[in-house]
């Protein structure tokens, strides 16, 4: 009887270890949000805004406000062994089970959940999903974007090739495809000129300018209008500056 009891305890412990090694099961709302996330999560674009708004108040660069000796603004600090619970880690890149941050943001226990209820901060299902996917993908930190050399991105291939006028359109159309959305029909030339004129000068185009653009069938008709309105703006700025300077003469 004693041996059977001991064997049962051993089996239960083994099963406990096996199941504890699995990634945590996500609640329905978070799972749904996870499935809608971009293929690759970026630290500067997706993660840093969440950490800054919801986490840095207690775990950021201000040492005077740090709680539990945990700081998340630098990878060497975020990945370090937790001083309050040796052998455990706030973030274990690529390992959701061993990342205490994941368990904390998923918990419903007010004594465990992060952010603390006393902070009056709360993560949305979308924010939790982003943090979880980031850790699962390796929790890659990046320098501030201003210190990262620009790199030419790979232009995505899109289905609506006839809608592409320049490479920027590829990125817009690719995003629309991921959201299962269709682009609006192209605006007519009069509306295009009105938008452009208001953007560059703050004024509507004249009837003569609209007629000229509408009748211009050249491929670079729009670019010509951009150049014209930019030159007009510079002329107006020079005129206004001259008038102001004359007031002091």
Protein backbone atom coordinates (compact mmCIF):
# COMPACT_ATOMS: atom_id res chain seq x y z
CA UNK A 1 0.00 0.00 0.00
CA UNK A 2 2.83 2.33 0.92
CA UNK A 3 4.59 1.61 -2.40
CA UNK A 4 1.40 2.26 -4.37
CA UNK A 5 0.95 5.59 -2.60
CA UNK A 6 4.56 6.54 -3.26
CA UNK A 7 4.24 5.56 -6.92
CA UNK A 8 1.11 7.70 -7.27
CA UNK A 9 2.91 10.71 -5.82
CA UNK A 10 5.81 10.22 -8.23
CA UNK A 11 3.44 9.97 -11.23
CA UNK A 12 1.57 13.11 -10.17
CA UNK A 13 4.83 15.02 -9.80
CA UNK A 14 6.04 13.88 -13.21
CA UNK A 15 2.77 14.92 -14.84
CA UNK A 16 2.94 18.24 -13.03
CA UNK A 17 6.40 18.90 -14.42
CA UNK A 18 5.35 17.91 -17.93
CA UNK A 19 2.27 20.12 -17.95
CA UNK A 20 4.06 23.03 -16.28
CA UNK A 21 6.55 23.13 -19.17
CA UNK A 22 3.81 23.97 -21.62
CA UNK A 23 3.08 27.54 -22.61
CA UNK A 24 0.20 29.10 -20.70
CA UNK A 25 -3.26 28.77 -22.22
CA UNK A 26 -4.47 32.20 -23.30
CA UNK A 27 -7.95 33.43 -22.36
CA UNK A 28 -10.34 33.72 -25.31
CA UNK A 29 -10.13 37.52 -25.72
CA UNK A 30 -6.34 37.50 -25.61
CA UNK A 31 -6.15 34.56 -28.02
CA UNK A 32 -8.40 36.41 -30.46
CA UNK A 33 -6.23 39.52 -30.15
CA UNK A 34 -3.09 37.40 -30.61
CA UNK A 35 -4.37 35.99 -33.90
CA UNK A 36 -4.84 39.51 -35.28
CA UNK A 37 -1.30 40.69 -34.49
CA UNK A 38 1.27 41.40 -37.21
CA UNK A 39 3.58 38.55 -38.12
CA UNK A 40 6.56 40.28 -36.50
CA UNK A 41 6.33 42.36 -33.34
CA UNK A 42 8.70 45.35 -33.18
CA UNK A 43 10.04 46.70 -29.89
CA UNK A 44 9.96 50.40 -30.75
CA UNK A 45 6.64 50.29 -32.57
CA UNK A 46 4.65 47.87 -30.43
CA UNK A 47 6.34 47.12 -27.11
CA UNK A 48 8.05 50.24 -25.81
CA UNK A 49 4.83 52.34 -25.81
CA UNK A 50 3.14 49.70 -23.62
CA UNK A 51 6.06 49.42 -21.22
CA UNK A 52 6.36 53.21 -20.99
CA UNK A 53 2.64 53.71 -20.29
CA UNK A 54 1.88 50.72 -18.08
CA UNK A 55 5.12 49.31 -16.60
CA UNK A 56 7.87 51.90 -16.27
CA UNK A 57 6.09 53.68 -13.43
CA UNK A 58 7.30 50.85 -11.15
CA UNK A 59 9.87 49.05 -13.31
CA UNK A 60 11.48 51.76 -15.41
CA UNK A 61 14.68 53.81 -15.44
CA UNK A 62 13.80 55.91 -12.34
CA UNK A 63 15.59 53.98 -9.58
CA UNK A 64 13.80 55.91 -6.84
CA UNK A 65 10.46 54.38 -7.94
CA UNK A 66 11.57 50.85 -8.77
CA UNK A 67 9.68 48.03 -7.07
CA UNK A 68 10.88 44.48 -6.48
CA UNK A 69 14.31 45.53 -7.80
CA UNK A 70 13.01 44.95 -11.32
CA UNK A 71 13.67 47.30 -14.24
CA UNK A 72 12.38 46.58 -17.74
CA UNK A 73 13.89 49.39 -19.80
CA UNK A 74 17.13 47.53 -20.55
CA UNK A 75 17.45 43.89 -21.68
CA UNK A 76 20.29 43.04 -19.27
CA UNK A 77 18.05 44.11 -16.38
CA UNK A 78 14.82 42.61 -17.69
CA UNK A 79 16.46 39.24 -18.41
CA UNK A 80 18.32 39.01 -15.11
CA UNK A 81 17.38 36.58 -12.34
CA UNK A 82 14.77 38.10 -10.06
CA UNK A 83 16.28 39.19 -6.76
CA UNK A 84 12.99 38.70 -4.93
CA UNK A 85 12.55 35.14 -6.25
CA UNK A 86 15.91 33.54 -7.13
CA UNK A 87 15.75 31.04 -9.96
CA UNK A 88 12.93 32.89 -11.69
CA UNK A 89 12.98 35.55 -14.41
CA UNK A 90 10.65 38.38 -15.37
CA UNK A 91 11.40 37.78 -19.05
CA UNK A 92 12.94 34.62 -20.47
CA UNK A 93 13.30 35.26 -24.21
CA UNK A 94 11.47 32.65 -26.25
CA UNK A 95 10.07 30.92 -23.16
CA UNK A 96 6.58 31.98 -22.07
CA UNK A 97 6.36 29.45 -19.23
CA UNK A 98 9.51 30.70 -17.52
CA UNK A 99 8.63 34.38 -18.00
CA UNK A 100 6.98 35.67 -14.84
CA UNK A 101 5.76 38.72 -16.73
CA UNK A 102 3.44 36.48 -18.76
CA UNK A 103 1.96 34.79 -15.69
CA UNK A 104 1.54 38.14 -13.96
CA UNK A 105 -0.31 39.89 -16.78
CA UNK A 106 -2.59 36.86 -17.26
CA UNK A 107 -3.42 36.45 -13.56
CA UNK A 108 -6.76 37.42 -12.02
CA UNK A 109 -5.32 37.35 -8.50
CA UNK A 110 -5.06 40.97 -7.22
CA UNK A 111 -1.95 39.99 -5.22
CA UNK A 112 -0.21 38.68 -8.34
CA UNK A 113 -1.51 40.57 -11.38
CA UNK A 114 0.54 43.28 -13.01
CA UNK A 115 0.12 46.20 -13.26
CA UNK A 116 -0.85 46.34 -9.58
CA UNK A 117 -4.51 47.30 -9.01
CA UNK A 118 -3.30 50.19 -6.83
CA UNK A 119 -1.67 51.77 -9.89
CA UNK A 120 -5.09 52.13 -11.60
CA UNK A 121 -3.40 50.93 -14.78
CA UNK A 122 -4.71 48.02 -16.80
CA UNK A 123 -3.49 46.18 -19.87
CA UNK A 124 -5.99 45.54 -22.64
CA UNK A 125 -6.29 42.11 -24.25
CA UNK A 126 -4.48 43.53 -27.29
CA UNK A 127 -1.57 44.81 -25.17
CA UNK A 128 -1.25 41.50 -23.33
CA UNK A 129 -1.23 39.62 -26.62
CA UNK A 130 1.51 41.87 -28.02
CA UNK A 131 3.74 41.41 -24.96
CA UNK A 132 3.25 37.64 -25.06
CA UNK A 133 4.07 37.39 -28.77
CA UNK A 134 7.13 39.61 -28.31
CA UNK A 135 8.52 37.36 -25.58
CA UNK A 136 7.69 34.25 -27.61
CA UNK A 137 9.62 35.72 -30.57
CA UNK A 138 12.71 36.31 -28.45
CA UNK A 139 11.97 39.59 -26.62
CA UNK A 140 14.31 41.59 -28.85
CA UNK A 141 15.07 45.08 -27.52
CA UNK A 142 16.09 47.88 -29.89
CA UNK A 143 17.77 51.26 -29.47
CA UNK A 144 15.69 54.39 -29.94
CA UNK A 145 14.73 54.64 -33.62
CA UNK A 146 16.80 57.83 -34.00
CA UNK A 147 19.98 55.80 -33.35
CA UNK A 148 19.15 53.00 -35.79
CA UNK A 149 20.49 53.33 -39.33
CA UNK A 150 17.58 53.23 -41.82
CA UNK A 151 17.32 50.07 -43.88
CA UNK A 152 15.49 49.61 -47.13
CA UNK A 153 12.53 47.34 -46.40
CA UNK A 154 11.44 44.50 -48.63
CA UNK A 155 8.51 45.69 -50.74
CA UNK A 156 5.54 43.39 -50.13
CA UNK A 157 3.84 41.62 -53.03
CA UNK A 158 0.16 42.49 -53.26
CA UNK A 159 -2.82 41.13 -55.16
CA UNK A 160 -4.19 44.46 -56.44
CA UNK A 161 -1.19 45.31 -58.60
CA UNK A 162 -3.28 47.68 -60.73
CA UNK A 163 -3.69 49.92 -57.66
CA UNK A 164 0.05 50.41 -57.23
CA UNK A 165 1.35 53.80 -58.34
CA UNK A 166 4.53 53.78 -56.24
CA UNK A 167 6.19 51.42 -53.69
CA UNK A 168 4.39 53.09 -50.77
CA UNK A 169 1.13 51.74 -52.17
CA UNK A 170 2.46 48.19 -51.76
CA UNK A 171 2.73 48.65 -48.01
CA UNK A 172 -0.73 50.22 -47.74
CA UNK A 173 -2.36 47.53 -49.85
CA UNK A 174 -0.55 44.77 -47.96
CA UNK A 175 -1.92 46.10 -44.67
CA UNK A 176 -5.42 46.32 -46.15
CA UNK A 177 -5.15 42.71 -47.26
CA UNK A 178 -4.22 41.55 -43.76
CA UNK A 179 -7.28 43.42 -42.44
CA UNK A 180 -9.52 42.00 -45.20
CA UNK A 181 -10.32 45.52 -46.38
CA UNK A 182 -10.70 46.92 -49.89
CA UNK A 183 -9.23 50.29 -50.93
CA UNK A 184 -11.63 53.08 -51.84
CA UNK A 185 -11.96 54.01 -55.52
CA UNK A 186 -9.45 56.59 -56.68
CA UNK A 187 -10.69 60.17 -56.25
CA UNK A 188 -11.30 62.19 -59.40
CA UNK A 189 -8.78 64.81 -60.45
CA UNK A 190 -10.75 67.79 -59.10
CA UNK A 191 -10.86 66.28 -55.60
CA UNK A 192 -7.18 65.35 -55.78
CA UNK A 193 -6.23 68.91 -56.65
CA UNK A 194 -8.41 70.36 -53.90
CA UNK A 195 -6.77 68.10 -51.31
CA UNK A 196 -3.31 68.94 -52.56
CA UNK A 197 -3.98 72.67 -52.71
CA UNK A 198 -5.39 72.82 -49.19
CA UNK A 199 -2.48 70.74 -47.86
CA UNK A 200 0.23 72.88 -49.42
CA UNK A 201 -1.27 76.38 -49.43
CA UNK A 202 -4.37 76.33 -47.25
CA UNK A 203 -6.37 77.66 -50.20
CA UNK A 204 -8.72 76.00 -52.70
CA UNK A 205 -7.67 75.77 -56.35
CA UNK A 206 -9.12 78.27 -58.78
CA UNK A 207 -11.52 77.10 -61.52
CA UNK A 208 -8.77 77.75 -64.08
CA UNK A 209 -6.32 75.55 -62.13
CA UNK A 210 -8.88 72.77 -61.87
CA UNK A 211 -9.59 72.92 -65.60
CA UNK A 212 -5.88 72.91 -66.43
CA UNK A 213 -5.22 69.86 -64.27
CA UNK A 214 -8.30 68.02 -65.48
CA UNK A 215 -7.26 68.47 -69.12
CA UNK A 216 -3.65 67.49 -68.48
CA UNK A 217 -3.35 63.86 -69.60
CA UNK A 218 0.41 63.51 -69.07
CA UNK A 219 1.64 60.81 -66.67
CA UNK A 220 3.28 63.38 -64.38
CA UNK A 221 0.35 65.82 -64.29
CA UNK A 222 -0.02 65.44 -60.53
CA UNK A 223 3.71 65.94 -59.90
CA UNK A 224 3.54 69.18 -61.91
CA UNK A 225 0.81 70.45 -59.60
CA UNK A 226 2.87 69.56 -56.53
CA UNK A 227 5.82 71.55 -57.88
CA UNK A 228 3.59 74.48 -58.81
CA UNK A 229 1.96 74.69 -55.39
CA UNK A 230 5.25 74.33 -53.56
CA UNK A 231 6.69 77.20 -55.58
CA UNK A 232 3.53 79.24 -54.85
CA UNK A 233 3.94 78.66 -51.12
CA UNK A 234 7.57 79.76 -51.18
CA UNK A 235 6.65 82.92 -53.07
CA UNK A 236 3.91 83.76 -50.56
CA UNK A 237 6.29 83.20 -47.64
CA UNK A 238 8.85 85.50 -49.23
CA UNK A 239 6.18 88.18 -49.79
CA UNK A 240 4.94 88.00 -46.20
CA UNK A 241 8.48 88.13 -44.87
CA UNK A 242 9.24 91.21 -46.98
CA UNK A 243 6.08 92.95 -45.74
CA UNK A 244 7.00 92.26 -42.11
CA UNK A 245 10.55 93.47 -42.60
CA UNK A 246 9.32 96.66 -44.26
CA UNK A 247 7.32 97.45 -41.16
CA UNK A 248 10.59 97.88 -39.25
CA UNK A 249 12.20 100.18 -41.81
